[in-house]
Amino acid sequence: MERVSDGMTEEPTGGIPIHALRDLVAVMEEEVQVGEELLHNLEAQRVAILSWDASTLLLRVEEREAMLRRLSALEERRQRIVLDLPCLSPNHGPSLRTLLARLPEGPETVSLRRLQRQILELYGRLRAAEQRVVALMDNLLGHLREALTCFCYSPVYLYGKKGAMTYGRPASGLIQGKA
């Protein structure tokens, strides 16, 4: 059952223009797509780190930055859509949860609930994958520092039992099997 109000088509959506809900669904679907791309990008970064492929790693990091800019623009667009909805009180911060509570059941509401769950799960996985890649880089960096200490260690001069000057140098991290 459709009705026309102020020149806009509305469906029984709690007074919210159907085009706004469809725009919100479209933006959230695009956010899911970008999130999936970010997951694949992080996996490609992990593989590049493990294979010591610095040029591929730099390329993947640049791609990630572009994806994060795109995600930020989508988030701003989503927030504008939610802010412009007439049903949300300006006293309460606009949120998808508030919007979903006010909507009657319908195809857009079902899509929004599904996307909300999908986004929460996806970005949880994304955070975990990012933490794993950062931990991998930190681990690798620690091994590199340890291996390179033999090149930057300044010798300490000591006098031996016979009075001759000697110096001690730590064994390389590679020799000690730590890298």
Foldseek 3Di string as FASTA:
>chain_A
DWDADPNAIDDQWLQWGPVLLVVLLVLLVVLLVLLVVLLVLLVQLLVCVVVVPVVSNVVSVVVNVVSVVVNVVSVVVNLVSQVPTPVDDPVDRRDLVVSLVSTDDDPSSVSSVVSVVSVVVSVVVSVVSVVVSVVSVVLVVVLVVQQCCQVVPDWDWDQDPVRDIDTDGDDGSVVVVND
